[in-house]
Amino acid sequence: MDFSEAGRLLRVTTSVNVLDASAYNRLDDGLPSTVLIRVWLSPTGKARVVAAAVLRRQIVYDLWDEVYTVVTAGPTGRRTVQVKFKAEALKLLTAVDVTLTSVDALAPATSYTATVQAELNPVSAANLAEVRRWLSDGSGGGLDRGAG
């Protein structure tokens, strides 16, 4: 992880490793994959967050045109890029480059810790609750629901 101060802004750059071999191989199956990246800055040893950012990446391989479309979204906006090679797409999918805060907003005598958390294909709490409800229904919850 790298930190830089450009124009009195604290910028964090790194890359995240969220894909195992199986997930990497599925990148070209034509189904979308999403990576959600959270970055936050807090005083070392403290739970208080002083700056945070959320980045969202989505990749889809077009089986017909044989290109990867990567959509990146974050605090600076949304960008769509098409690339031919999986390695290029992977760089776009896993890159973290975000400005967190102004250096002037940080206490000079305090050390800070930047934390990066990444999730592959996250499921919202609402969707997860609905799936659990559906699975826990003893009647099968399928097409035969309500049949007597």
N, C-alpha and C. Protein backbone atom coordinates (compact mmCIF):
# COMPACT_ATOMS: atom_id res chain seq x y z
N MET A 1 0.85 -1.16 0.00
CA MET A 1 0.00 0.00 0.00
C MET A 1 0.90 1.22 0.00
N ASP A 2 0.55 2.18 -0.83
CA ASP A 2 1.31 3.41 -0.91
C ASP A 2 0.44 4.59 -0.51
N PHE A 3 1.08 5.56 0.12
CA PHE A 3 0.42 6.80 0.49
C PHE A 3 1.15 7.91 -0.23
N SER A 4 0.42 8.88 -0.70
CA SER A 4 1.07 10.04 -1.30
C SER A 4 0.27 11.28 -0.94
N GLU A 5 0.97 12.38 -0.93
CA GLU A 5 0.35 13.65 -0.62
C GLU A 5 0.46 14.51 -1.87
N ALA A 6 -0.64 14.71 -2.54
CA ALA A 6 -0.66 15.51 -3.76
C ALA A 6 -1.64 16.65 -3.55
N GLY A 7 -1.14 17.87 -3.59
CA GLY A 7 -2.01 19.02 -3.40
C GLY A 7 -2.65 19.04 -2.03
N ARG A 8 -1.92 18.56 -1.02
CA ARG A 8 -2.38 18.52 0.38
C ARG A 8 -3.51 17.52 0.59
N LEU A 9 -3.66 16.55 -0.32
CA LEU A 9 -4.66 15.49 -0.17
C LEU A 9 -3.95 14.16 0.05
N LEU A 10 -4.49 13.34 0.94
CA LEU A 10 -3.92 12.02 1.23
C LEU A 10 -4.53 11.01 0.26
N ARG A 11 -3.68 10.37 -0.49
CA ARG A 11 -4.11 9.42 -1.51
C ARG A 11 -3.56 8.04 -1.17
N VAL A 12 -4.41 7.01 -1.31
CA VAL A 12 -4.02 5.63 -1.04
C VAL A 12 -4.07 4.86 -2.36
N THR A 13 -2.99 4.16 -2.67
CA THR A 13 -2.96 3.32 -3.86
C THR A 13 -2.46 1.93 -3.48
N THR A 14 -3.14 0.93 -3.97
CA THR A 14 -2.77 -0.46 -3.73
C THR A 14 -3.57 -1.32 -4.70
N SER A 15 -3.46 -2.61 -4.55
CA SER A 15 -4.35 -3.50 -5.29
C SER A 15 -4.81 -4.58 -4.32
N VAL A 16 -6.00 -5.11 -4.56
CA VAL A 16 -6.57 -6.10 -3.67
C VAL A 16 -6.56 -7.46 -4.36
N ASN A 17 -6.42 -8.49 -3.55
CA ASN A 17 -6.43 -9.85 -4.08
C ASN A 17 -7.69 -10.54 -3.57
N VAL A 18 -8.74 -10.52 -4.38
CA VAL A 18 -10.01 -11.10 -3.96
C VAL A 18 -10.39 -12.33 -4.77
N LEU A 19 -9.58 -12.66 -5.77
CA LEU A 19 -9.93 -13.76 -6.65
C LEU A 19 -9.05 -14.97 -6.40
N ASP A 20 -9.67 -16.10 -6.06
CA ASP A 20 -8.92 -17.34 -6.03
C ASP A 20 -8.89 -17.89 -7.47
N ALA A 21 -8.27 -19.03 -7.67
CA ALA A 21 -8.13 -19.58 -9.03
C ALA A 21 -9.49 -19.83 -9.67
N SER A 22 -10.42 -20.32 -8.90
CA SER A 22 -11.75 -20.62 -9.43
C SER A 22 -12.46 -19.34 -9.89
N ALA A 23 -12.43 -18.30 -9.05
CA ALA A 23 -13.08 -17.03 -9.40
C ALA A 23 -12.39 -16.39 -10.59
N TYR A 24 -11.07 -16.49 -10.65
CA TYR A 24 -10.31 -15.94 -11.78
C TYR A 24 -10.73 -16.63 -13.08
N ASN A 25 -10.87 -17.95 -13.04
CA ASN A 25 -11.26 -18.69 -14.24
C ASN A 25 -12.69 -18.37 -14.68
N ARG A 26 -13.54 -17.97 -13.74
CA ARG A 26 -14.93 -17.64 -14.08
C ARG A 26 -15.09 -16.24 -14.64
N LEU A 27 -14.05 -15.43 -14.68
CA LEU A 27 -14.17 -14.07 -15.20
C LEU A 27 -14.58 -14.04 -16.67
N ASP A 28 -14.29 -15.11 -17.39
CA ASP A 28 -14.63 -15.10 -18.82
C ASP A 28 -15.81 -16.01 -19.15
N ASP A 29 -16.71 -16.21 -18.18
CA ASP A 29 -17.88 -17.05 -18.45
C ASP A 29 -19.08 -16.24 -18.95
N GLY A 30 -18.95 -14.92 -19.05
CA GLY A 30 -20.02 -14.09 -19.55
C GLY A 30 -20.96 -13.55 -18.49
N LEU A 31 -20.80 -14.00 -17.24
CA LEU A 31 -21.64 -13.51 -16.14
C LEU A 31 -20.90 -12.38 -15.41
N PRO A 32 -21.64 -11.39 -14.93
CA PRO A 32 -20.97 -10.28 -14.24
C PRO A 32 -20.41 -10.69 -12.89
N SER A 33 -19.26 -10.12 -12.55
CA SER A 33 -18.67 -10.27 -11.22
C SER A 33 -18.48 -8.86 -10.66
N THR A 34 -18.73 -8.73 -9.37
CA THR A 34 -18.63 -7.43 -8.72
C THR A 34 -17.63 -7.50 -7.58
N VAL A 35 -16.81 -6.48 -7.46
CA VAL A 35 -15.89 -6.33 -6.33
C VAL A 35 -16.25 -5.03 -5.63
N LEU A 36 -16.51 -5.12 -4.34
CA LEU A 36 -16.79 -3.95 -3.52
C LEU A 36 -15.59 -3.73 -2.62
N ILE A 37 -15.01 -2.53 -2.69
CA ILE A 37 -13.80 -2.21 -1.93
C ILE A 37 -14.10 -1.05 -1.00
N ARG A 38 -13.82 -1.27 0.29
CA ARG A 38 -13.98 -0.21 1.29
C ARG A 38 -12.59 0.16 1.80
N VAL A 39 -12.33 1.46 1.87
CA VAL A 39 -11.05 1.97 2.38
C VAL A 39 -11.38 2.97 3.48
N TRP A 40 -10.74 2.80 4.63
CA TRP A 40 -10.97 3.79 5.68
C TRP A 40 -9.68 4.07 6.43
N LEU A 41 -9.63 5.25 6.99
CA LEU A 41 -8.47 5.74 7.72
C LEU A 41 -8.89 6.05 9.14
N SER A 42 -8.12 5.52 10.10
CA SER A 42 -8.43 5.77 11.51
C SER A 42 -7.12 5.92 12.28
N PRO A 43 -7.17 6.63 13.40
CA PRO A 43 -5.97 6.71 14.23
C PRO A 43 -5.58 5.30 14.67
N THR A 44 -4.31 5.00 14.64
CA THR A 44 -3.83 3.66 14.98
C THR A 44 -4.30 3.27 16.38
N GLY A 45 -4.92 2.08 16.45
CA GLY A 45 -5.41 1.57 17.72
C GLY A 45 -6.77 2.10 18.15
N LYS A 46 -7.37 2.94 17.34
CA LYS A 46 -8.68 3.52 17.68
C LYS A 46 -9.72 3.04 16.67
N ALA A 47 -10.97 3.00 17.10
CA ALA A 47 -12.06 2.57 16.22
C ALA A 47 -12.65 3.73 15.42
N ARG A 48 -12.32 4.96 15.78
CA ARG A 48 -12.90 6.14 15.14
C ARG A 48 -12.36 6.28 13.70
N VAL A 49 -13.26 6.35 12.75
CA VAL A 49 -12.89 6.52 11.34
C VAL A 49 -12.88 8.01 11.02
N VAL A 50 -11.76 8.48 10.44
CA VAL A 50 -11.66 9.90 10.10
C VAL A 50 -11.91 10.16 8.62
N ALA A 51 -11.78 9.11 7.79
CA ALA A 51 -12.05 9.26 6.36
C ALA A 51 -12.36 7.88 5.80
N ALA A 52 -13.23 7.83 4.79
CA ALA A 52 -13.60 6.55 4.20
C ALA A 52 -14.03 6.74 2.75
N ALA A 53 -13.92 5.67 1.99
CA ALA A 53 -14.37 5.67 0.60
C ALA A 53 -14.82 4.27 0.23
N VAL A 54 -15.78 4.20 -0.68
CA VAL A 54 -16.27 2.92 -1.18
C VAL A 54 -16.08 2.93 -2.70
N LEU A 55 -15.46 1.87 -3.19
CA LEU A 55 -15.24 1.70 -4.62
C LEU A 55 -15.97 0.46 -5.09
N ARG A 56 -16.57 0.54 -6.25
CA ARG A 56 -17.31 -0.61 -6.80
C ARG A 56 -16.76 -0.90 -8.19
N ARG A 57 -16.45 -2.16 -8.42
CA ARG A 57 -15.95 -2.61 -9.72
C ARG A 57 -16.85 -3.72 -10.23
N GLN A 58 -17.14 -3.69 -11.52
CA GLN A 58 -17.91 -4.78 -12.12
C GLN A 58 -17.26 -5.14 -13.44
N ILE A 59 -17.17 -6.46 -13.69
CA ILE A 59 -16.56 -6.95 -14.91
C ILE A 59 -17.51 -7.93 -15.58
N VAL A 60 -17.59 -7.83 -16.90
CA VAL A 60 -18.39 -8.76 -17.70
C VAL A 60 -17.59 -9.05 -18.97
N TYR A 61 -17.48 -10.33 -19.29
CA TYR A 61 -16.81 -10.73 -20.52
C TYR A 61 -17.86 -10.92 -21.60
N ASP A 62 -17.69 -10.25 -22.71
CA ASP A 62 -18.60 -10.38 -23.85
C ASP A 62 -18.12 -11.55 -24.70
N LEU A 63 -18.88 -12.64 -24.65
CA LEU A 63 -18.48 -13.86 -25.36
C LEU A 63 -18.45 -13.67 -26.87
N TRP A 64 -19.29 -12.79 -27.37
CA TRP A 64 -19.37 -12.59 -28.82
C TRP A 64 -18.21 -11.73 -29.32
N ASP A 65 -18.00 -10.57 -28.66
CA ASP A 65 -16.95 -9.64 -29.08
C ASP A 65 -15.58 -9.97 -28.49
N GLU A 66 -15.55 -10.88 -27.52
CA GLU A 66 -14.32 -11.29 -26.85
C GLU A 66 -13.56 -10.12 -26.24
N VAL A 67 -14.30 -9.29 -25.49
CA VAL A 67 -13.71 -8.19 -24.74
C VAL A 67 -14.28 -8.18 -23.34
N TYR A 68 -13.49 -7.66 -22.42
CA TYR A 68 -13.93 -7.48 -21.04
C TYR A 68 -14.40 -6.03 -20.88
N THR A 69 -15.55 -5.85 -20.28
CA THR A 69 -16.02 -4.51 -19.94
C THR A 69 -15.92 -4.38 -18.43
N VAL A 70 -15.15 -3.37 -18.00
CA VAL A 70 -14.95 -3.13 -16.58
C VAL A 70 -15.53 -1.76 -16.25
N VAL A 71 -16.46 -1.74 -15.29
CA VAL A 71 -17.06 -0.50 -14.84
C VAL A 71 -16.51 -0.21 -13.45
N THR A 72 -15.90 0.96 -13.30
CA THR A 72 -15.37 1.37 -12.01
C THR A 72 -16.18 2.56 -11.51
N ALA A 73 -16.53 2.54 -10.23
CA ALA A 73 -17.30 3.64 -9.65
C ALA A 73 -16.73 3.94 -8.27
N GLY A 74 -16.69 5.21 -7.96
CA GLY A 74 -16.17 5.64 -6.66
C GLY A 74 -16.46 7.11 -6.45
N PRO A 75 -15.76 7.72 -5.51
CA PRO A 75 -16.01 9.13 -5.18
C PRO A 75 -15.79 10.09 -6.34
N THR A 76 -14.96 9.73 -7.30
CA THR A 76 -14.68 10.63 -8.41
C THR A 76 -15.58 10.38 -9.62
N GLY A 77 -16.50 9.43 -9.52
CA GLY A 77 -17.41 9.19 -10.63
C GLY A 77 -17.36 7.76 -11.13
N ARG A 78 -17.91 7.59 -12.33
CA ARG A 78 -18.05 6.27 -12.92
C ARG A 78 -17.32 6.25 -14.26
N ARG A 79 -16.66 5.12 -14.54
CA ARG A 79 -15.91 4.99 -15.79
C ARG A 79 -16.10 3.59 -16.33
N THR A 80 -16.27 3.47 -17.64
CA THR A 80 -16.40 2.17 -18.30
C THR A 80 -15.26 2.02 -19.29
N VAL A 81 -14.56 0.88 -19.19
CA VAL A 81 -13.42 0.61 -20.06
C VAL A 81 -13.58 -0.79 -20.65
N GLN A 82 -13.27 -0.93 -21.93
CA GLN A 82 -13.25 -2.25 -22.56
C GLN A 82 -11.80 -2.60 -22.88
N VAL A 83 -11.41 -3.81 -22.50
CA VAL A 83 -10.06 -4.29 -22.77
C VAL A 83 -10.13 -5.69 -23.35
N LYS A 84 -9.10 -6.07 -24.08
CA LYS A 84 -9.08 -7.35 -24.77
C LYS A 84 -8.56 -8.48 -23.88
N PHE A 85 -7.60 -8.18 -23.03
CA PHE A 85 -6.90 -9.23 -22.29
C PHE A 85 -7.33 -9.30 -20.83
N LYS A 86 -7.39 -10.52 -20.31
CA LYS A 86 -7.81 -10.75 -18.93
C LYS A 86 -6.89 -10.07 -17.93
N ALA A 87 -5.61 -10.03 -18.19
CA ALA A 87 -4.66 -9.39 -17.27
C ALA A 87 -4.95 -7.90 -17.13
N GLU A 88 -5.29 -7.24 -18.23
CA GLU A 88 -5.64 -5.83 -18.18
C GLU A 88 -6.92 -5.62 -17.37
N ALA A 89 -7.90 -6.48 -17.60
CA ALA A 89 -9.16 -6.40 -16.88
C ALA A 89 -8.95 -6.61 -15.39
N LEU A 90 -8.09 -7.56 -15.04
CA LEU A 90 -7.81 -7.85 -13.64
C LEU A 90 -7.18 -6.65 -12.94
N LYS A 91 -6.28 -5.95 -13.62
CA LYS A 91 -5.68 -4.75 -13.04
C LYS A 91 -6.73 -3.70 -12.73
N LEU A 92 -7.65 -3.50 -13.67
CA LEU A 92 -8.72 -2.52 -13.46
C LEU A 92 -9.66 -2.94 -12.34
N LEU A 93 -9.92 -4.22 -12.27
CA LEU A 93 -10.85 -4.77 -11.28
C LEU A 93 -10.32 -4.65 -9.85
N THR A 94 -9.02 -4.80 -9.68
CA THR A 94 -8.44 -4.88 -8.33
C THR A 94 -7.66 -3.64 -7.90
N ALA A 95 -7.55 -2.64 -8.76
CA ALA A 95 -6.78 -1.45 -8.42
C ALA A 95 -7.53 -0.56 -7.44
N VAL A 96 -6.79 -0.05 -6.48
CA VAL A 96 -7.33 0.92 -5.52
C VAL A 96 -6.50 2.18 -5.66
N ASP A 97 -7.15 3.27 -6.01
CA ASP A 97 -6.49 4.57 -6.12
C ASP A 97 -7.52 5.60 -5.70
N VAL A 98 -7.46 6.03 -4.45
CA VAL A 98 -8.50 6.89 -3.91
C VAL A 98 -7.90 7.96 -3.01
N THR A 99 -8.46 9.16 -3.13
CA THR A 99 -8.10 10.24 -2.23
C THR A 99 -9.04 10.18 -1.04
N LEU A 100 -8.46 10.07 0.15
CA LEU A 100 -9.29 9.90 1.35
C LEU A 100 -9.65 11.20 2.04
N THR A 101 -8.68 12.09 2.21
CA THR A 101 -8.94 13.30 2.98
C THR A 101 -7.86 14.33 2.72
N SER A 102 -8.08 15.51 3.23
CA SER A 102 -7.07 16.55 3.20
C SER A 102 -6.05 16.28 4.31
N VAL A 103 -4.80 16.48 4.02
CA VAL A 103 -3.76 16.29 5.03
C VAL A 103 -3.97 17.25 6.19
N ASP A 104 -4.51 18.41 5.91
CA ASP A 104 -4.74 19.41 6.95
C ASP A 104 -5.79 18.95 7.97
N ALA A 105 -6.64 18.00 7.59
CA ALA A 105 -7.68 17.51 8.50
C ALA A 105 -7.15 16.50 9.50
N LEU A 106 -5.90 16.07 9.33
CA LEU A 106 -5.31 15.05 10.20
C LEU A 106 -4.45 15.71 11.29
N ALA A 107 -4.52 15.14 12.47
CA ALA A 107 -3.69 15.63 13.58
C ALA A 107 -2.23 15.28 13.29
N PRO A 108 -1.32 16.26 13.34
CA PRO A 108 0.07 16.02 12.94
C PRO A 108 0.84 15.04 13.82
N ALA A 109 0.52 14.93 15.09
CA ALA A 109 1.28 14.07 15.99
C ALA A 109 0.66 12.68 16.14
N THR A 110 -0.31 12.36 15.31
CA THR A 110 -1.01 11.08 15.42
C THR A 110 -0.64 10.18 14.26
N SER A 111 -0.43 8.88 14.55
CA SER A 111 -0.22 7.94 13.45
C SER A 111 -1.56 7.34 13.06
N TYR A 112 -1.70 7.03 11.78
CA TYR A 112 -2.97 6.55 11.24
C TYR A 112 -2.78 5.21 10.55
N THR A 113 -3.86 4.45 10.52
CA THR A 113 -3.87 3.16 9.83
C THR A 113 -4.93 3.21 8.74
N ALA A 114 -4.53 2.82 7.54
CA ALA A 114 -5.49 2.70 6.44
C ALA A 114 -5.85 1.23 6.31
N THR A 115 -7.13 0.96 6.25
CA THR A 115 -7.62 -0.41 6.13
C THR A 115 -8.34 -0.54 4.79
N VAL A 116 -8.06 -1.63 4.08
CA VAL A 116 -8.71 -1.91 2.81
C VAL A 116 -9.41 -3.25 2.95
N GLN A 117 -10.70 -3.26 2.65
CA GLN A 117 -11.50 -4.48 2.72
C GLN A 117 -12.18 -4.67 1.37
N ALA A 118 -12.04 -5.87 0.81
CA ALA A 118 -12.64 -6.14 -0.50
C ALA A 118 -13.51 -7.38 -0.42
N GLU A 119 -14.65 -7.34 -1.13
CA GLU A 119 -15.57 -8.46 -1.18
C GLU A 119 -15.87 -8.78 -2.65
N LEU A 120 -15.88 -10.05 -2.96
CA LEU A 120 -16.25 -10.51 -4.29
C LEU A 120 -17.71 -10.89 -4.29
N ASN A 121 -18.47 -10.32 -5.19
CA ASN A 121 -19.90 -10.58 -5.34
C ASN A 121 -20.65 -10.50 -4.01
N PRO A 122 -20.60 -9.33 -3.37
CA PRO A 122 -21.28 -9.20 -2.07
C PRO A 122 -22.79 -9.33 -2.23
N VAL A 123 -23.43 -9.83 -1.18
CA VAL A 123 -24.88 -10.00 -1.16
C VAL A 123 -25.44 -9.03 -0.13
N SER A 124 -26.46 -8.28 -0.53
CA SER A 124 -27.05 -7.32 0.41
C SER A 124 -27.76 -8.06 1.54
N ALA A 125 -27.90 -7.39 2.65
CA ALA A 125 -28.58 -7.99 3.81
C ALA A 125 -30.03 -8.34 3.47
N ALA A 126 -30.69 -7.51 2.68
CA ALA A 126 -32.09 -7.77 2.30
C ALA A 126 -32.20 -9.04 1.44
N ASN A 127 -31.29 -9.17 0.47
CA ASN A 127 -31.31 -10.37 -0.38
C ASN A 127 -30.99 -11.62 0.43
N LEU A 128 -30.02 -11.51 1.32
CA LEU A 128 -29.65 -12.65 2.15
C LEU A 128 -30.81 -13.08 3.05
N ALA A 129 -31.52 -12.12 3.63
CA ALA A 129 -32.68 -12.44 4.47
C ALA A 129 -33.78 -13.12 3.66
N GLU A 130 -33.99 -12.66 2.43
CA GLU A 130 -35.02 -13.27 1.58
C GLU A 130 -34.65 -14.70 1.20
N VAL A 131 -33.39 -14.95 0.89
CA VAL A 131 -32.95 -16.31 0.56
C VAL A 131 -33.10 -17.22 1.78
N ARG A 132 -32.71 -16.72 2.94
CA ARG A 132 -32.85 -17.53 4.17
C ARG A 132 -34.31 -17.84 4.45
N ARG A 133 -35.19 -16.86 4.27
CA ARG A 133 -36.62 -17.08 4.48
C ARG A 133 -37.13 -18.12 3.50
N TRP A 134 -36.72 -18.01 2.26
CA TRP A 134 -37.17 -18.94 1.23
C TRP A 134 -36.69 -20.36 1.53
N LEU A 135 -35.41 -20.49 1.94
CA LEU A 135 -34.85 -21.81 2.23
C LEU A 135 -35.43 -22.43 3.49
N SER A 136 -35.81 -21.59 4.45
CA SER A 136 -36.33 -22.15 5.71
C SER A 136 -37.81 -22.54 5.62
N ASP A 137 -38.47 -22.16 4.54
CA ASP A 137 -39.88 -22.51 4.37
C ASP A 137 -39.98 -24.02 4.15
N GLY A 138 -40.66 -24.71 5.05
CA GLY A 138 -40.73 -26.16 5.02
C GLY A 138 -41.48 -26.74 3.84
N SER A 139 -42.24 -25.92 3.12
CA SER A 139 -43.04 -26.47 2.03
C SER A 139 -42.25 -26.57 0.72
N GLY A 140 -40.97 -26.31 0.79
CA GLY A 140 -40.17 -26.39 -0.44
C GLY A 140 -39.97 -25.03 -1.08
N GLY A 141 -40.94 -24.15 -0.94
CA GLY A 141 -40.81 -22.77 -1.41
C GLY A 141 -40.65 -22.65 -2.91
N GLY A 142 -40.90 -23.69 -3.66
CA GLY A 142 -40.70 -23.64 -5.10
C GLY A 142 -42.00 -23.44 -5.85
N LEU A 143 -42.08 -24.03 -7.01
CA LEU A 143 -43.25 -23.86 -7.86
C LEU A 143 -44.50 -24.47 -7.26
N ASP A 144 -44.32 -25.44 -6.38
CA ASP A 144 -45.48 -26.10 -5.81
C ASP A 144 -46.05 -25.36 -4.59
N ARG A 145 -45.49 -24.19 -4.29
CA ARG A 145 -45.96 -23.43 -3.13
C ARG A 145 -47.46 -23.13 -3.25
N GLY A 146 -48.16 -23.39 -2.22
CA GLY A 146 -49.59 -23.11 -2.19
C GLY A 146 -50.44 -24.22 -2.76
N ALA A 147 -49.80 -25.20 -3.36
CA ALA A 147 -50.59 -26.30 -3.93
C ALA A 147 -51.08 -27.19 -2.79
N GLY A 148 -52.29 -27.62 -2.83
CA GLY A 148 -52.84 -28.40 -1.75
C GLY A 148 -53.06 -29.77 -2.12
